[in-house]
């Protein structure tokens, strides 16, 4: 579950970019995604999304 927020100082954990308007999505696990990466993550099949989120957290097991 991701929460939409505005913060121009936070960069995306997946692509490393900062959205010009400061729009960022934060997960309960403290993963931050820009709108483009958030949309890509949401379109992934569940098992691939979970693996990608574990990689972003640094826990691949």
N, C-alpha and C. Protein backbone atom coordinates (compact mmCIF):
# COMPACT_ATOMS: atom_id res chain seq x y z
N UNK A 1 0.85 -1.18 0.00
CA UNK A 1 0.00 0.00 0.00
C UNK A 1 0.89 1.24 0.00
N UNK A 2 0.68 2.09 -0.93
CA UNK A 2 1.47 3.31 -1.07
C UNK A 2 0.61 4.53 -0.76
N UNK A 3 1.24 5.51 -0.16
CA UNK A 3 0.59 6.76 0.18
C UNK A 3 1.19 7.87 -0.68
N UNK A 4 0.35 8.64 -1.33
CA UNK A 4 0.82 9.75 -2.16
C UNK A 4 1.13 10.94 -1.27
N UNK A 5 2.29 11.56 -1.50
CA UNK A 5 2.67 12.73 -0.72
C UNK A 5 3.45 13.70 -1.60
N UNK A 6 3.70 14.88 -1.07
CA UNK A 6 4.46 15.90 -1.78
C UNK A 6 5.70 16.22 -0.96
N UNK A 7 6.87 16.03 -1.57
CA UNK A 7 8.14 16.36 -0.91
C UNK A 7 9.20 16.47 -2.00
N UNK A 8 9.63 17.68 -2.30
CA UNK A 8 10.58 17.90 -3.38
C UNK A 8 11.99 17.44 -3.04
N UNK A 9 12.26 17.10 -1.78
CA UNK A 9 13.60 16.69 -1.37
C UNK A 9 13.84 15.20 -1.54
N UNK A 10 12.79 14.40 -1.69
CA UNK A 10 12.94 12.94 -1.74
C UNK A 10 13.04 12.47 -3.19
N UNK A 11 14.01 11.59 -3.43
CA UNK A 11 14.16 11.03 -4.77
C UNK A 11 13.62 9.60 -4.81
N UNK A 12 13.31 9.14 -5.99
CA UNK A 12 12.75 7.81 -6.21
C UNK A 12 13.81 6.75 -5.91
N UNK A 13 13.41 5.72 -5.18
CA UNK A 13 14.33 4.62 -4.86
C UNK A 13 14.62 3.73 -6.06
N UNK A 14 13.77 3.76 -7.08
CA UNK A 14 13.97 2.90 -8.24
C UNK A 14 14.80 3.59 -9.32
N UNK A 15 14.43 4.79 -9.71
CA UNK A 15 15.14 5.47 -10.81
C UNK A 15 16.10 6.55 -10.33
N UNK A 16 15.95 6.99 -9.09
CA UNK A 16 16.85 8.00 -8.53
C UNK A 16 16.49 9.44 -8.88
N UNK A 17 15.40 9.63 -9.58
CA UNK A 17 14.99 10.98 -9.99
C UNK A 17 14.07 11.62 -8.96
N UNK A 18 14.02 12.95 -8.99
CA UNK A 18 13.08 13.71 -8.18
C UNK A 18 12.02 14.26 -9.13
N UNK A 19 10.76 14.08 -8.77
CA UNK A 19 9.66 14.59 -9.60
C UNK A 19 9.65 16.11 -9.49
N UNK A 20 9.49 16.83 -10.61
CA UNK A 20 9.51 18.30 -10.57
C UNK A 20 8.49 18.93 -9.63
N UNK A 21 7.33 18.29 -9.49
CA UNK A 21 6.29 18.81 -8.60
C UNK A 21 6.41 18.27 -7.18
N UNK A 22 7.37 17.37 -6.96
CA UNK A 22 7.58 16.81 -5.63
C UNK A 22 6.64 15.67 -5.28
N UNK A 23 5.90 15.15 -6.27
CA UNK A 23 4.98 14.03 -6.01
C UNK A 23 5.80 12.76 -5.80
N UNK A 24 5.53 12.08 -4.71
CA UNK A 24 6.25 10.85 -4.38
C UNK A 24 5.27 9.90 -3.69
N UNK A 25 5.46 8.61 -3.91
CA UNK A 25 4.62 7.59 -3.27
C UNK A 25 5.48 6.85 -2.25
N UNK A 26 4.99 6.75 -1.02
CA UNK A 26 5.72 6.11 0.07
C UNK A 26 4.98 4.86 0.52
N UNK A 27 5.74 3.76 0.62
CA UNK A 27 5.14 2.51 1.11
C UNK A 27 5.30 2.42 2.62
N UNK A 28 4.62 1.46 3.22
CA UNK A 28 4.74 1.23 4.66
C UNK A 28 6.16 0.81 5.02
N UNK A 29 6.88 0.23 4.05
CA UNK A 29 8.26 -0.20 4.26
C UNK A 29 9.28 0.90 3.95
N UNK A 30 8.78 2.11 3.74
CA UNK A 30 9.63 3.27 3.46
C UNK A 30 10.33 3.20 2.10
N UNK A 31 9.62 2.68 1.10
CA UNK A 31 10.08 2.71 -0.28
C UNK A 31 9.45 3.95 -0.91
N UNK A 32 10.26 4.77 -1.55
CA UNK A 32 9.77 5.99 -2.20
C UNK A 32 9.85 5.83 -3.71
N UNK A 33 8.72 6.09 -4.39
CA UNK A 33 8.67 5.95 -5.84
C UNK A 33 8.06 7.19 -6.47
N UNK A 34 8.66 7.61 -7.60
CA UNK A 34 8.08 8.70 -8.37
C UNK A 34 6.81 8.17 -9.06
N UNK A 35 5.97 9.04 -9.60
CA UNK A 35 4.73 8.58 -10.23
C UNK A 35 4.96 7.57 -11.36
N UNK A 36 6.00 7.76 -12.17
CA UNK A 36 6.26 6.83 -13.27
C UNK A 36 6.63 5.44 -12.76
N UNK A 37 7.54 5.37 -11.80
CA UNK A 37 7.95 4.08 -11.24
C UNK A 37 6.82 3.44 -10.44
N UNK A 38 6.03 4.25 -9.76
CA UNK A 38 4.88 3.72 -9.02
C UNK A 38 3.92 3.02 -9.98
N UNK A 39 3.65 3.64 -11.11
CA UNK A 39 2.75 3.05 -12.10
C UNK A 39 3.33 1.74 -12.63
N UNK A 40 4.64 1.71 -12.90
CA UNK A 40 5.28 0.49 -13.39
C UNK A 40 5.19 -0.63 -12.35
N UNK A 41 5.43 -0.30 -11.09
CA UNK A 41 5.35 -1.30 -10.01
C UNK A 41 3.93 -1.84 -9.89
N UNK A 42 2.94 -0.96 -9.98
CA UNK A 42 1.54 -1.37 -9.84
C UNK A 42 1.09 -2.28 -10.98
N UNK A 43 1.71 -2.14 -12.16
CA UNK A 43 1.32 -2.94 -13.33
C UNK A 43 2.00 -4.31 -13.32
N UNK A 44 3.00 -4.51 -12.48
CA UNK A 44 3.72 -5.79 -12.43
C UNK A 44 2.86 -6.88 -11.80
N UNK A 45 3.09 -8.13 -12.22
CA UNK A 45 2.43 -9.24 -11.51
C UNK A 45 2.89 -9.25 -10.04
N UNK A 46 2.05 -9.76 -9.17
CA UNK A 46 2.28 -9.71 -7.72
C UNK A 46 3.65 -10.26 -7.32
N UNK A 47 4.04 -11.42 -7.84
CA UNK A 47 5.31 -12.02 -7.42
C UNK A 47 6.52 -11.19 -7.87
N UNK A 48 6.45 -10.59 -9.04
CA UNK A 48 7.55 -9.75 -9.51
C UNK A 48 7.59 -8.45 -8.71
N UNK A 49 6.42 -7.90 -8.39
CA UNK A 49 6.36 -6.67 -7.58
C UNK A 49 6.97 -6.91 -6.20
N UNK A 50 6.63 -8.03 -5.57
CA UNK A 50 7.19 -8.34 -4.25
C UNK A 50 8.71 -8.50 -4.31
N UNK A 51 9.21 -9.15 -5.35
CA UNK A 51 10.66 -9.31 -5.51
C UNK A 51 11.35 -7.97 -5.72
N UNK A 52 10.75 -7.13 -6.53
CA UNK A 52 11.31 -5.80 -6.78
C UNK A 52 11.34 -4.97 -5.51
N UNK A 53 10.27 -5.03 -4.73
CA UNK A 53 10.23 -4.29 -3.47
C UNK A 53 11.27 -4.81 -2.48
N UNK A 54 11.49 -6.13 -2.45
CA UNK A 54 12.53 -6.68 -1.57
C UNK A 54 13.92 -6.22 -1.99
N UNK A 55 14.14 -6.12 -3.30
CA UNK A 55 15.43 -5.63 -3.79
C UNK A 55 15.61 -4.18 -3.38
N UNK A 56 14.56 -3.36 -3.50
CA UNK A 56 14.65 -1.96 -3.10
C UNK A 56 14.91 -1.81 -1.61
N UNK A 57 14.40 -2.75 -0.84
CA UNK A 57 14.63 -2.72 0.63
C UNK A 57 16.01 -3.25 0.99
N UNK A 58 16.64 -3.97 0.05
CA UNK A 58 17.94 -4.53 0.31
C UNK A 58 17.87 -5.93 0.87
N UNK A 59 16.69 -6.55 0.85
CA UNK A 59 16.51 -7.90 1.36
C UNK A 59 16.01 -8.79 0.22
N UNK A 60 16.92 -9.47 -0.44
CA UNK A 60 16.56 -10.26 -1.62
C UNK A 60 16.16 -11.69 -1.29
N UNK A 61 16.24 -12.08 -0.03
CA UNK A 61 15.87 -13.46 0.34
C UNK A 61 14.42 -13.56 0.72
